[in-house]
């Protein structure tokens, strides 16, 4: 009687390589993604002549070209209410003003004055870096 050996089965493909790829994609998108709040409208800041990198953290106040405002990405009619609450809790909180380059100063300057009167210690204006 002649016995035949069954054909050798191929080893199943491992899923480890796929897990590595998914992990690298996750890390990649976490690194390139923006973690700060974005305005619900288009904001194109003015171009800077000089300056330094923007510090991280804090509260972002966005001002549109027509004067519409948002605090940390949420549209508001009176931005001072959430801003003042944040400043009263921690006066050292950085407040970033991200205003459209065509926004009129009459929308921005009163905000800076109110922030200063409320005790804000640091207010930064967001600008676009100039081309080298």
C-alpha atoms as a PDB file:
ATOM      1  CA  UNK A   1       0.000   0.000   0.000  1.00  0.00           C
ATOM      2  CA  UNK A   2       1.338   3.323  -1.001  1.00  0.00           C
ATOM      3  CA  UNK A   3       0.596   6.317   1.220  1.00  0.00           C
ATOM      4  CA  UNK A   4       0.748   9.781  -0.214  1.00  0.00           C
ATOM      5  CA  UNK A   5       1.719  12.736   1.796  1.00  0.00           C
ATOM      6  CA  UNK A   6      -0.850  15.543   1.737  1.00  0.00           C
ATOM      7  CA  UNK A   7       0.351  18.707   0.001  1.00  0.00           C
ATOM      8  CA  UNK A   8       2.037  21.176   2.293  1.00  0.00           C
ATOM      9  CA  UNK A   9      -0.187  24.067   3.249  1.00  0.00           C
ATOM     10  CA  UNK A  10       1.111  27.564   2.888  1.00  0.00           C
ATOM     11  CA  UNK A  11       1.529  29.530   6.078  1.00  0.00           C
ATOM     12  CA  UNK A  12      -1.322  31.968   6.626  1.00  0.00           C
ATOM     13  CA  UNK A  13      -0.471  35.580   5.955  1.00  0.00           C
ATOM     14  CA  UNK A  14       0.168  37.538   9.095  1.00  0.00           C
ATOM     15  CA  UNK A  15      -1.665  40.713   9.897  1.00  0.00           C
ATOM     16  CA  UNK A  16       1.303  42.237  11.749  1.00  0.00           C
ATOM     17  CA  UNK A  17       2.508  44.138   8.678  1.00  0.00           C
ATOM     18  CA  UNK A  18      -0.927  45.682   8.195  1.00  0.00           C
ATOM     19  CA  UNK A  19      -1.054  46.773  11.838  1.00  0.00           C
ATOM     20  CA  UNK A  20       2.336  48.478  11.423  1.00  0.00           C
ATOM     21  CA  UNK A  21       1.119  50.371   8.357  1.00  0.00           C
ATOM     22  CA  UNK A  22      -2.045  51.526  10.141  1.00  0.00           C
ATOM     23  CA  UNK A  23       0.001  52.643  13.145  1.00  0.00           C
ATOM     24  CA  UNK A  24       2.396  54.654  10.946  1.00  0.00           C
ATOM     25  CA  UNK A  25      -0.549  56.289   9.147  1.00  0.00           C
ATOM     26  CA  UNK A  26      -2.104  57.206  12.477  1.00  0.00           C
ATOM     27  CA  UNK A  27       1.122  58.805  13.711  1.00  0.00           C
ATOM     28  CA  UNK A  28       1.600  60.592  10.372  1.00  0.00           C
ATOM     29  CA  UNK A  29      -1.860  62.181  10.422  1.00  0.00           C
ATOM     30  CA  UNK A  30      -1.496  63.142  14.077  1.00  0.00           C
ATOM     31  CA  UNK A  31       1.737  64.957  13.267  1.00  0.00           C
ATOM     32  CA  UNK A  32       0.466  66.877  10.241  1.00  0.00           C
ATOM     33  CA  UNK A  33      -3.008  67.628  11.582  1.00  0.00           C
ATOM     34  CA  UNK A  34      -3.886  70.958  13.154  1.00  0.00           C
ATOM     35  CA  UNK A  35      -4.695  70.730  16.803  1.00  0.00           C
ATOM     36  CA  UNK A  36      -5.921  74.280  17.342  1.00  0.00           C
ATOM     37  CA  UNK A  37      -9.417  75.580  16.775  1.00  0.00           C
ATOM     38  CA  UNK A  38     -10.266  76.800  13.306  1.00  0.00           C
ATOM     39  CA  UNK A  39     -12.701  79.600  12.602  1.00  0.00           C
ATOM     40  CA  UNK A  40     -16.091  78.814  11.030  1.00  0.00           C
ATOM     41  CA  UNK A  41     -15.250  81.385   8.347  1.00  0.00           C
ATOM     42  CA  UNK A  42     -12.215  82.127   6.184  1.00  0.00           C
ATOM     43  CA  UNK A  43      -9.478  84.069   7.952  1.00  0.00           C
ATOM     44  CA  UNK A  44      -6.439  85.149   5.958  1.00  0.00           C
ATOM     45  CA  UNK A  45      -4.066  86.963   8.367  1.00  0.00           C
ATOM     46  CA  UNK A  46      -1.867  89.863   7.228  1.00  0.00           C
ATOM     47  CA  UNK A  47       1.722  89.207   6.124  1.00  0.00           C
ATOM     48  CA  UNK A  48       4.381  89.864   8.770  1.00  0.00           C
ATOM     49  CA  UNK A  49       7.424  92.008   8.155  1.00  0.00           C
ATOM     50  CA  UNK A  50       9.232  90.660  11.249  1.00  0.00           C
ATOM     51  CA  UNK A  51       8.259  88.378  14.096  1.00  0.00           C
ATOM     52  CA  UNK A  52       8.690  85.044  15.795  1.00  0.00           C
ATOM     53  CA  UNK A  53       6.864  81.714  15.975  1.00  0.00           C
ATOM     54  CA  UNK A  54       3.448  81.685  17.617  1.00  0.00           C
ATOM     55  CA  UNK A  55       3.362  80.131  21.104  1.00  0.00           C
ATOM     56  CA  UNK A  56       1.059  77.150  21.565  1.00  0.00           C
ATOM     57  CA  UNK A  57      -1.998  76.935  23.790  1.00  0.00           C
ATOM     58  CA  UNK A  58      -4.386  79.588  24.979  1.00  0.00           C
ATOM     59  CA  UNK A  59      -7.613  80.969  23.536  1.00  0.00           C
ATOM     60  CA  UNK A  60      -8.050  81.823  19.850  1.00  0.00           C
ATOM     61  CA  UNK A  61     -10.304  84.714  18.862  1.00  0.00           C
ATOM     62  CA  UNK A  62     -11.018  84.775  15.113  1.00  0.00           C
ATOM     63  CA  UNK A  63     -12.269  87.942  13.382  1.00  0.00           C
ATOM     64  CA  UNK A  64     -13.678  87.703   9.835  1.00  0.00           C
ATOM     65  CA  UNK A  65     -13.413  90.420   7.202  1.00  0.00           C
ATOM     66  CA  UNK A  66     -17.007  91.513   7.935  1.00  0.00           C
ATOM     67  CA  UNK A  67     -16.435  91.621  11.712  1.00  0.00           C
ATOM     68  CA  UNK A  68     -17.989  88.229  12.580  1.00  0.00           C
ATOM     69  CA  UNK A  69     -16.212  86.590  15.518  1.00  0.00           C
ATOM     70  CA  UNK A  70     -15.535  83.133  16.886  1.00  0.00           C
ATOM     71  CA  UNK A  71     -13.866  81.945  20.077  1.00  0.00           C
ATOM     72  CA  UNK A  72     -11.962  78.660  19.743  1.00  0.00           C
ATOM     73  CA  UNK A  73     -13.874  77.838  16.553  1.00  0.00           C
ATOM     74  CA  UNK A  74     -17.370  78.524  17.892  1.00  0.00           C
ATOM     75  CA  UNK A  75     -19.252  81.527  16.442  1.00  0.00           C
ATOM     76  CA  UNK A  76     -20.203  84.145  19.048  1.00  0.00           C
ATOM     77  CA  UNK A  77     -21.973  87.484  18.996  1.00  0.00           C
ATOM     78  CA  UNK A  78     -20.215  88.840  22.098  1.00  0.00           C
ATOM     79  CA  UNK A  79     -16.728  87.284  22.244  1.00  0.00           C
ATOM     80  CA  UNK A  80     -15.888  88.936  25.546  1.00  0.00           C
ATOM     81  CA  UNK A  81     -18.151  86.607  27.559  1.00  0.00           C
ATOM     82  CA  UNK A  82     -16.118  83.381  26.987  1.00  0.00           C
ATOM     83  CA  UNK A  83     -12.840  85.307  26.787  1.00  0.00           C
ATOM     84  CA  UNK A  84     -13.326  87.074  30.100  1.00  0.00           C
ATOM     85  CA  UNK A  85     -14.351  83.808  31.762  1.00  0.00           C
ATOM     86  CA  UNK A  86     -11.114  82.188  30.587  1.00  0.00           C
ATOM     87  CA  UNK A  87      -9.003  85.169  31.655  1.00  0.00           C
ATOM     88  CA  UNK A  88     -10.575  85.386  35.104  1.00  0.00           C
ATOM     89  CA  UNK A  89      -9.809  81.704  35.703  1.00  0.00           C
ATOM     90  CA  UNK A  90      -6.177  82.000  34.590  1.00  0.00           C
ATOM     91  CA  UNK A  91      -4.905  85.523  33.797  1.00  0.00           C
ATOM     92  CA  UNK A  92      -1.705  84.149  32.260  1.00  0.00           C
ATOM     93  CA  UNK A  93      -3.717  82.498  29.461  1.00  0.00           C
ATOM     94  CA  UNK A  94      -2.469  83.540  26.033  1.00  0.00           C
ATOM     95  CA  UNK A  95      -5.147  85.136  23.850  1.00  0.00           C
ATOM     96  CA  UNK A  96      -4.465  84.860  20.099  1.00  0.00           C
ATOM     97  CA  UNK A  97      -6.330  87.247  17.808  1.00  0.00           C
ATOM     98  CA  UNK A  98      -6.543  85.746  14.338  1.00  0.00           C
ATOM     99  CA  UNK A  99      -8.030  88.538  12.212  1.00  0.00           C
ATOM    100  CA  UNK A 100      -8.592  88.546   8.460  1.00  0.00           C
ATOM    101  CA  UNK A 101      -6.172  90.910   6.712  1.00  0.00           C
ATOM    102  CA  UNK A 102      -9.048  93.096   5.488  1.00  0.00           C
ATOM    103  CA  UNK A 103     -10.800  93.276   8.883  1.00  0.00           C
ATOM    104  CA  UNK A 104     -11.170  96.836  10.087  1.00  0.00           C
ATOM    105  CA  UNK A 105      -9.310  97.927  13.199  1.00  0.00           C
ATOM    106  CA  UNK A 106     -12.581  99.129  14.723  1.00  0.00           C
ATOM    107  CA  UNK A 107     -13.401  95.443  15.263  1.00  0.00           C
ATOM    108  CA  UNK A 108     -10.038  94.536  16.775  1.00  0.00           C
ATOM    109  CA  UNK A 109      -8.797  97.440  18.905  1.00  0.00           C
ATOM    110  CA  UNK A 110     -11.776  97.495  21.329  1.00  0.00           C
ATOM    111  CA  UNK A 111     -11.210  93.766  21.948  1.00  0.00           C
ATOM    112  CA  UNK A 112      -7.581  94.363  22.855  1.00  0.00           C
ATOM    113  CA  UNK A 113      -8.554  97.218  25.198  1.00  0.00           C
ATOM    114  CA  UNK A 114     -11.193  95.061  26.935  1.00  0.00           C
ATOM    115  CA  UNK A 115      -8.758  92.164  27.287  1.00  0.00           C
ATOM    116  CA  UNK A 116      -6.169  94.464  28.826  1.00  0.00           C
ATOM    117  CA  UNK A 117      -8.753  95.927  31.224  1.00  0.00           C
ATOM    118  CA  UNK A 118      -9.825  92.399  32.209  1.00  0.00           C
ATOM    119  CA  UNK A 119      -6.267  91.545  33.199  1.00  0.00           C
ATOM    120  CA  UNK A 120      -5.032  89.546  30.220  1.00  0.00           C
ATOM    121  CA  UNK A 121      -1.260  89.387  30.472  1.00  0.00           C
ATOM    122  CA  UNK A 122      -0.502  88.226  26.940  1.00  0.00           C
ATOM    123  CA  UNK A 123      -2.299  88.993  23.670  1.00  0.00           C
ATOM    124  CA  UNK A 124      -0.766  87.880  20.357  1.00  0.00           C
ATOM    125  CA  UNK A 125      -1.841  88.921  16.872  1.00  0.00           C
ATOM    126  CA  UNK A 126      -1.636  86.109  14.320  1.00  0.00           C
ATOM    127  CA  UNK A 127       0.104  87.016  11.050  1.00  0.00           C
ATOM    128  CA  UNK A 128       1.295  85.085   7.996  1.00  0.00           C
ATOM    129  CA  UNK A 129       5.093  84.773   7.769  1.00  0.00           C
ATOM    130  CA  UNK A 130       6.613  86.831   4.978  1.00  0.00           C
ATOM    131  CA  UNK A 131       8.123  84.997   2.018  1.00  0.00           C
ATOM    132  CA  UNK A 132      11.942  84.761   2.190  1.00  0.00           C
END
